[in-house]
């Protein structure tokens, strides 16, 4: 299974996106067939050279992610022997959230994001979430969204410094939360048992 860590290696720039072919300018060395996470989306390299990586993006992916444009976070998949930091990230975006507030927090920032309702149940305080490919810790949860605290390094090394209220972000829930939900016993009537609603003191 391919794994990312959510620790962004560099920030690239979308050079073009036409007829499903995405071209990103970046310094990441990747061979044909390698997997690279672009803004948190696992994609396969189909062409390289000249400081550019090209990917084919299928309609299923486009239906689940925000538009590919501007600056993007870039992370190649882990290779055997690489150190594992962040948390286990698959590069399978679950949905698109929206930034509702961003306020300074010392030298960093505190960001509130409202995810699609079906994703909020996977967000727990001090749990992990991936935002535009960046592994973050949930700092707080309420009935409609969650907050993350961004340290100065994260702001300097990723596209999260570009965020503003109203911005869209790719979200991937912690895969461990999905497995836990899947393993819960069914409730009466045969339906899968839903997770408890998230709250600020989860």
C-alpha atoms as a PDB file:
ATOM      1  CA  UNK A   1       0.000   0.000   0.000  1.00  0.00           C
ATOM      2  CA  UNK A   2       1.327   3.432  -0.929  1.00  0.00           C
ATOM      3  CA  UNK A   3       1.816   5.714   2.037  1.00  0.00           C
ATOM      4  CA  UNK A   4       2.495   9.395   2.485  1.00  0.00           C
ATOM      5  CA  UNK A   5       3.192  11.165   5.760  1.00  0.00           C
ATOM      6  CA  UNK A   6       1.604  14.560   5.224  1.00  0.00           C
ATOM      7  CA  UNK A   7       5.034  16.178   5.612  1.00  0.00           C
ATOM      8  CA  UNK A   8       5.264  18.344   2.502  1.00  0.00           C
ATOM      9  CA  UNK A   9       8.611  18.217   0.691  1.00  0.00           C
ATOM     10  CA  UNK A  10       8.143  21.357  -1.402  1.00  0.00           C
ATOM     11  CA  UNK A  11       5.635  23.763  -2.882  1.00  0.00           C
ATOM     12  CA  UNK A  12       5.143  23.458  -6.633  1.00  0.00           C
ATOM     13  CA  UNK A  13       3.199  25.512  -9.162  1.00  0.00           C
ATOM     14  CA  UNK A  14       0.514  24.301 -11.552  1.00  0.00           C
ATOM     15  CA  UNK A  15       1.850  25.058 -15.034  1.00  0.00           C
ATOM     16  CA  UNK A  16      -1.202  23.800 -16.924  1.00  0.00           C
ATOM     17  CA  UNK A  17      -4.266  21.615 -16.645  1.00  0.00           C
ATOM     18  CA  UNK A  18      -5.887  20.671 -19.943  1.00  0.00           C
ATOM     19  CA  UNK A  19      -8.131  17.717 -20.821  1.00  0.00           C
ATOM     20  CA  UNK A  20      -7.243  15.903 -17.605  1.00  0.00           C
ATOM     21  CA  UNK A  21      -3.466  16.347 -17.994  1.00  0.00           C
ATOM     22  CA  UNK A  22      -1.991  18.165 -15.000  1.00  0.00           C
ATOM     23  CA  UNK A  23       1.517  19.622 -15.282  1.00  0.00           C
ATOM     24  CA  UNK A  24       3.274  20.807 -12.125  1.00  0.00           C
ATOM     25  CA  UNK A  25       6.541  22.731 -11.921  1.00  0.00           C
ATOM     26  CA  UNK A  26       8.597  21.418  -9.009  1.00  0.00           C
ATOM     27  CA  UNK A  27      12.006  20.100  -8.041  1.00  0.00           C
ATOM     28  CA  UNK A  28      10.857  16.672  -6.894  1.00  0.00           C
ATOM     29  CA  UNK A  29      12.739  13.856  -8.637  1.00  0.00           C
ATOM     30  CA  UNK A  30      10.200  11.228  -9.718  1.00  0.00           C
ATOM     31  CA  UNK A  31      10.282   8.478 -12.327  1.00  0.00           C
ATOM     32  CA  UNK A  32       7.490   7.406 -14.654  1.00  0.00           C
ATOM     33  CA  UNK A  33       4.942   5.421 -12.666  1.00  0.00           C
ATOM     34  CA  UNK A  34       5.914   6.942  -9.314  1.00  0.00           C
ATOM     35  CA  UNK A  35       3.171   8.214  -7.026  1.00  0.00           C
ATOM     36  CA  UNK A  36       3.272  11.809  -5.836  1.00  0.00           C
ATOM     37  CA  UNK A  37       0.745  13.636  -3.675  1.00  0.00           C
ATOM     38  CA  UNK A  38      -0.281  16.971  -5.197  1.00  0.00           C
ATOM     39  CA  UNK A  39      -2.329  19.095  -2.774  1.00  0.00           C
ATOM     40  CA  UNK A  40      -3.023  15.849  -0.925  1.00  0.00           C
ATOM     41  CA  UNK A  41      -4.136  13.910  -4.013  1.00  0.00           C
ATOM     42  CA  UNK A  42      -2.220  10.731  -4.899  1.00  0.00           C
ATOM     43  CA  UNK A  43      -1.363  10.883  -8.620  1.00  0.00           C
ATOM     44  CA  UNK A  44       0.854   8.822 -10.926  1.00  0.00           C
ATOM     45  CA  UNK A  45       3.687  10.433 -12.889  1.00  0.00           C
ATOM     46  CA  UNK A  46       3.105   9.947 -16.641  1.00  0.00           C
ATOM     47  CA  UNK A  47       5.823  12.320 -17.910  1.00  0.00           C
ATOM     48  CA  UNK A  48       8.796  14.145 -16.378  1.00  0.00           C
ATOM     49  CA  UNK A  49      11.634  16.436 -17.351  1.00  0.00           C
ATOM     50  CA  UNK A  50      12.573  20.076 -17.399  1.00  0.00           C
ATOM     51  CA  UNK A  51      11.563  20.605 -13.791  1.00  0.00           C
ATOM     52  CA  UNK A  52       8.015  19.448 -14.503  1.00  0.00           C
ATOM     53  CA  UNK A  53       5.924  16.410 -13.567  1.00  0.00           C
ATOM     54  CA  UNK A  54       2.809  15.438 -15.515  1.00  0.00           C
ATOM     55  CA  UNK A  55      -0.194  13.477 -14.281  1.00  0.00           C
ATOM     56  CA  UNK A  56      -3.462  12.237 -15.778  1.00  0.00           C
ATOM     57  CA  UNK A  57      -6.415  13.090 -13.520  1.00  0.00           C
ATOM     58  CA  UNK A  58      -9.585  11.023 -13.994  1.00  0.00           C
ATOM     59  CA  UNK A  59     -13.146  12.365 -13.562  1.00  0.00           C
ATOM     60  CA  UNK A  60     -13.632  10.386 -10.309  1.00  0.00           C
ATOM     61  CA  UNK A  61     -10.758  12.312  -8.763  1.00  0.00           C
ATOM     62  CA  UNK A  62     -11.922  15.663 -10.113  1.00  0.00           C
ATOM     63  CA  UNK A  63     -15.349  15.097  -8.571  1.00  0.00           C
ATOM     64  CA  UNK A  64     -13.831  14.797  -5.086  1.00  0.00           C
ATOM     65  CA  UNK A  65     -11.150  17.489  -4.982  1.00  0.00           C
ATOM     66  CA  UNK A  66     -10.821  21.229  -5.311  1.00  0.00           C
ATOM     67  CA  UNK A  67      -9.552  22.639  -8.649  1.00  0.00           C
ATOM     68  CA  UNK A  68      -5.855  22.213  -9.419  1.00  0.00           C
ATOM     69  CA  UNK A  69      -4.472  25.738  -9.701  1.00  0.00           C
ATOM     70  CA  UNK A  70      -1.762  28.021  -8.351  1.00  0.00           C
ATOM     71  CA  UNK A  71       0.646  26.795  -5.690  1.00  0.00           C
ATOM     72  CA  UNK A  72       0.350  23.158  -4.593  1.00  0.00           C
ATOM     73  CA  UNK A  73       1.933  21.047  -1.868  1.00  0.00           C
ATOM     74  CA  UNK A  74       4.123  18.232  -3.216  1.00  0.00           C
ATOM     75  CA  UNK A  75       5.102  15.005  -1.431  1.00  0.00           C
ATOM     76  CA  UNK A  76       6.499  11.831  -3.037  1.00  0.00           C
ATOM     77  CA  UNK A  77       5.360   8.485  -1.627  1.00  0.00           C
ATOM     78  CA  UNK A  78       7.467   6.924   1.103  1.00  0.00           C
ATOM     79  CA  UNK A  79      10.173   4.510   0.014  1.00  0.00           C
ATOM     80  CA  UNK A  80      11.553   1.606   2.049  1.00  0.00           C
ATOM     81  CA  UNK A  81      13.793   2.986   4.776  1.00  0.00           C
ATOM     82  CA  UNK A  82      12.379   6.505   4.735  1.00  0.00           C
ATOM     83  CA  UNK A  83      11.588   7.939   8.177  1.00  0.00           C
ATOM     84  CA  UNK A  84       7.896   7.986   9.048  1.00  0.00           C
ATOM     85  CA  UNK A  85       6.699  11.306  10.420  1.00  0.00           C
ATOM     86  CA  UNK A  86       3.315  12.998  10.421  1.00  0.00           C
ATOM     87  CA  UNK A  87       0.683  10.263  10.210  1.00  0.00           C
ATOM     88  CA  UNK A  88      -0.330   7.606   7.689  1.00  0.00           C
ATOM     89  CA  UNK A  89      -1.813   9.400   4.692  1.00  0.00           C
ATOM     90  CA  UNK A  90      -3.181   7.597   1.642  1.00  0.00           C
ATOM     91  CA  UNK A  91      -3.632  10.515  -0.718  1.00  0.00           C
ATOM     92  CA  UNK A  92      -7.298   9.572  -1.118  1.00  0.00           C
ATOM     93  CA  UNK A  93      -9.171  12.835  -0.613  1.00  0.00           C
ATOM     94  CA  UNK A  94     -12.501  12.324   1.144  1.00  0.00           C
ATOM     95  CA  UNK A  95     -14.001  15.702   0.329  1.00  0.00           C
ATOM     96  CA  UNK A  96     -13.538  19.437   0.096  1.00  0.00           C
ATOM     97  CA  UNK A  97     -13.851  21.690   3.134  1.00  0.00           C
ATOM     98  CA  UNK A  98     -14.083  25.450   3.415  1.00  0.00           C
ATOM     99  CA  UNK A  99     -12.057  27.790   5.616  1.00  0.00           C
ATOM    100  CA  UNK A 100     -14.398  29.892   7.767  1.00  0.00           C
ATOM    101  CA  UNK A 101     -11.852  31.804   9.814  1.00  0.00           C
ATOM    102  CA  UNK A 102      -8.117  32.385  10.136  1.00  0.00           C
ATOM    103  CA  UNK A 103      -6.722  34.333  13.050  1.00  0.00           C
ATOM    104  CA  UNK A 104      -3.125  34.996  14.133  1.00  0.00           C
ATOM    105  CA  UNK A 105      -1.935  32.830  17.008  1.00  0.00           C
ATOM    106  CA  UNK A 106       1.437  34.125  18.153  1.00  0.00           C
ATOM    107  CA  UNK A 107       3.759  33.625  15.170  1.00  0.00           C
ATOM    108  CA  UNK A 108       1.392  31.019  13.762  1.00  0.00           C
ATOM    109  CA  UNK A 109      -2.300  30.916  12.960  1.00  0.00           C
ATOM    110  CA  UNK A 110      -5.471  29.130  14.023  1.00  0.00           C
ATOM    111  CA  UNK A 111      -7.718  28.021  11.186  1.00  0.00           C
ATOM    112  CA  UNK A 112     -11.316  26.839  11.362  1.00  0.00           C
ATOM    113  CA  UNK A 113     -12.576  24.555   8.594  1.00  0.00           C
ATOM    114  CA  UNK A 114     -16.065  23.288   7.875  1.00  0.00           C
ATOM    115  CA  UNK A 115     -15.902  19.846   6.198  1.00  0.00           C
ATOM    116  CA  UNK A 116     -18.736  18.012   4.453  1.00  0.00           C
ATOM    117  CA  UNK A 117     -21.072  16.722   7.210  1.00  0.00           C
ATOM    118  CA  UNK A 118     -20.176  13.087   6.533  1.00  0.00           C
ATOM    119  CA  UNK A 119     -16.510  13.794   7.322  1.00  0.00           C
ATOM    120  CA  UNK A 120     -16.977  15.694  10.563  1.00  0.00           C
ATOM    121  CA  UNK A 121     -17.620  12.472  12.493  1.00  0.00           C
ATOM    122  CA  UNK A 122     -14.007  11.420  11.850  1.00  0.00           C
ATOM    123  CA  UNK A 123     -12.598  14.586  13.442  1.00  0.00           C
ATOM    124  CA  UNK A 124     -11.706  14.291  17.119  1.00  0.00           C
ATOM    125  CA  UNK A 125      -9.720  16.670  19.280  1.00  0.00           C
ATOM    126  CA  UNK A 126      -6.000  15.758  19.189  1.00  0.00           C
ATOM    127  CA  UNK A 127      -6.657  13.394  16.290  1.00  0.00           C
ATOM    128  CA  UNK A 128      -5.084  13.685  12.848  1.00  0.00           C
ATOM    129  CA  UNK A 129      -6.427  15.212   9.649  1.00  0.00           C
ATOM    130  CA  UNK A 130      -4.831  16.004   6.299  1.00  0.00           C
ATOM    131  CA  UNK A 131      -5.465  19.458   4.822  1.00  0.00           C
ATOM    132  CA  UNK A 132      -4.224  19.996   1.245  1.00  0.00           C
ATOM    133  CA  UNK A 133      -1.746  17.194   1.879  1.00  0.00           C
ATOM    134  CA  UNK A 134      -0.461  18.549   5.203  1.00  0.00           C
ATOM    135  CA  UNK A 135      -0.645  16.345   8.307  1.00  0.00           C
ATOM    136  CA  UNK A 136      -2.210  18.357  11.113  1.00  0.00           C
ATOM    137  CA  UNK A 137      -3.548  17.802  14.617  1.00  0.00           C
ATOM    138  CA  UNK A 138      -7.162  18.744  15.311  1.00  0.00           C
ATOM    139  CA  UNK A 139      -7.088  21.486  17.956  1.00  0.00           C
ATOM    140  CA  UNK A 140     -10.831  21.707  18.521  1.00  0.00           C
ATOM    141  CA  UNK A 141     -14.157  20.421  17.211  1.00  0.00           C
ATOM    142  CA  UNK A 142     -17.717  21.736  17.300  1.00  0.00           C
ATOM    143  CA  UNK A 143     -20.960  20.667  15.685  1.00  0.00           C
ATOM    144  CA  UNK A 144     -20.104  22.099  12.269  1.00  0.00           C
ATOM    145  CA  UNK A 145     -16.333  22.208  11.926  1.00  0.00           C
ATOM    146  CA  UNK A 146     -12.884  21.785  13.385  1.00  0.00           C
ATOM    147  CA  UNK A 147      -9.832  23.917  14.098  1.00  0.00           C
ATOM    148  CA  UNK A 148      -6.133  23.379  13.444  1.00  0.00           C
ATOM    149  CA  UNK A 149      -3.189  25.375  14.784  1.00  0.00           C
ATOM    150  CA  UNK A 150      -0.483  26.177  12.235  1.00  0.00           C
ATOM    151  CA  UNK A 151       3.075  26.708  13.473  1.00  0.00           C
ATOM    152  CA  UNK A 152       5.398  29.158  11.671  1.00  0.00           C
ATOM    153  CA  UNK A 153       7.297  26.341   9.926  1.00  0.00           C
ATOM    154  CA  UNK A 154       4.094  24.944   8.421  1.00  0.00           C
ATOM    155  CA  UNK A 155       3.113  28.388   7.188  1.00  0.00           C
ATOM    156  CA  UNK A 156       6.559  28.900   5.639  1.00  0.00           C
ATOM    157  CA  UNK A 157       6.889  25.443   4.051  1.00  0.00           C
ATOM    158  CA  UNK A 158       3.383  24.814   2.657  1.00  0.00           C
ATOM    159  CA  UNK A 159       0.558  26.504   0.779  1.00  0.00           C
ATOM    160  CA  UNK A 160      -1.448  26.846   3.988  1.00  0.00           C
ATOM    161  CA  UNK A 161       0.009  30.335   4.305  1.00  0.00           C
ATOM    162  CA  UNK A 162      -2.219  31.231   1.323  1.00  0.00           C
ATOM    163  CA  UNK A 163      -5.441  30.350   3.134  1.00  0.00           C
ATOM    164  CA  UNK A 164      -8.148  32.919   3.762  1.00  0.00           C
ATOM    165  CA  UNK A 165     -11.804  32.709   4.770  1.00  0.00           C
ATOM    166  CA  UNK A 166     -13.785  31.145   1.945  1.00  0.00           C
ATOM    167  CA  UNK A 167     -10.866  29.112   0.576  1.00  0.00           C
ATOM    168  CA  UNK A 168     -11.453  25.478  -0.332  1.00  0.00           C
ATOM    169  CA  UNK A 169      -9.179  22.724   0.986  1.00  0.00           C
ATOM    170  CA  UNK A 170      -8.777  19.028   0.206  1.00  0.00           C
ATOM    171  CA  UNK A 171      -9.477  16.889   3.276  1.00  0.00           C
ATOM    172  CA  UNK A 172      -8.498  13.329   4.100  1.00  0.00           C
ATOM    173  CA  UNK A 173      -9.743  11.823   7.347  1.00  0.00           C
ATOM    174  CA  UNK A 174      -7.491   9.604   9.420  1.00  0.00           C
ATOM    175  CA  UNK A 175      -7.787   6.113   7.929  1.00  0.00           C
ATOM    176  CA  UNK A 176      -7.727   4.599  11.444  1.00  0.00           C
ATOM    177  CA  UNK A 177     -11.024   6.326  12.225  1.00  0.00           C
ATOM    178  CA  UNK A 178     -12.576   4.773   9.126  1.00  0.00           C
ATOM    179  CA  UNK A 179     -11.459   1.291  10.149  1.00  0.00           C
ATOM    180  CA  UNK A 180     -12.811   1.754  13.673  1.00  0.00           C
ATOM    181  CA  UNK A 181     -16.193   2.794  12.294  1.00  0.00           C
ATOM    182  CA  UNK A 182     -16.228  -0.182   9.932  1.00  0.00           C
ATOM    183  CA  UNK A 183     -15.526  -2.592  12.797  1.00  0.00           C
ATOM    184  CA  UNK A 184     -18.249  -1.253  15.099  1.00  0.00           C
ATOM    185  CA  UNK A 185     -21.158  -3.663  15.506  1.00  0.00           C
ATOM    186  CA  UNK A 186     -24.305  -2.823  13.500  1.00  0.00           C
ATOM    187  CA  UNK A 187     -27.126  -1.149  15.349  1.00  0.00           C
ATOM    188  CA  UNK A 188     -30.679  -2.494  15.475  1.00  0.00           C
ATOM    189  CA  UNK A 189     -32.205  -2.685  12.017  1.00  0.00           C
ATOM    190  CA  UNK A 190     -28.983  -3.781  10.373  1.00  0.00           C
ATOM    191  CA  UNK A 191     -27.610  -0.329   9.543  1.00  0.00           C
ATOM    192  CA  UNK A 192     -24.012   0.457  10.343  1.00  0.00           C
ATOM    193  CA  UNK A 193     -23.555   2.169  13.664  1.00  0.00           C
ATOM    194  CA  UNK A 194     -22.643   5.844  13.139  1.00  0.00           C
ATOM    195  CA  UNK A 195     -19.913   7.508  15.091  1.00  0.00           C
ATOM    196  CA  UNK A 196     -20.931   9.772  17.945  1.00  0.00           C
ATOM    197  CA  UNK A 197     -21.365  13.413  16.902  1.00  0.00           C
ATOM    198  CA  UNK A 198     -18.163  15.382  17.299  1.00  0.00           C
ATOM    199  CA  UNK A 199     -18.013  17.994  20.025  1.00  0.00           C
ATOM    200  CA  UNK A 200     -15.500  20.375  21.472  1.00  0.00           C
ATOM    201  CA  UNK A 201     -14.710  18.054  24.380  1.00  0.00           C
ATOM    202  CA  UNK A 202     -14.375  14.865  22.290  1.00  0.00           C
END
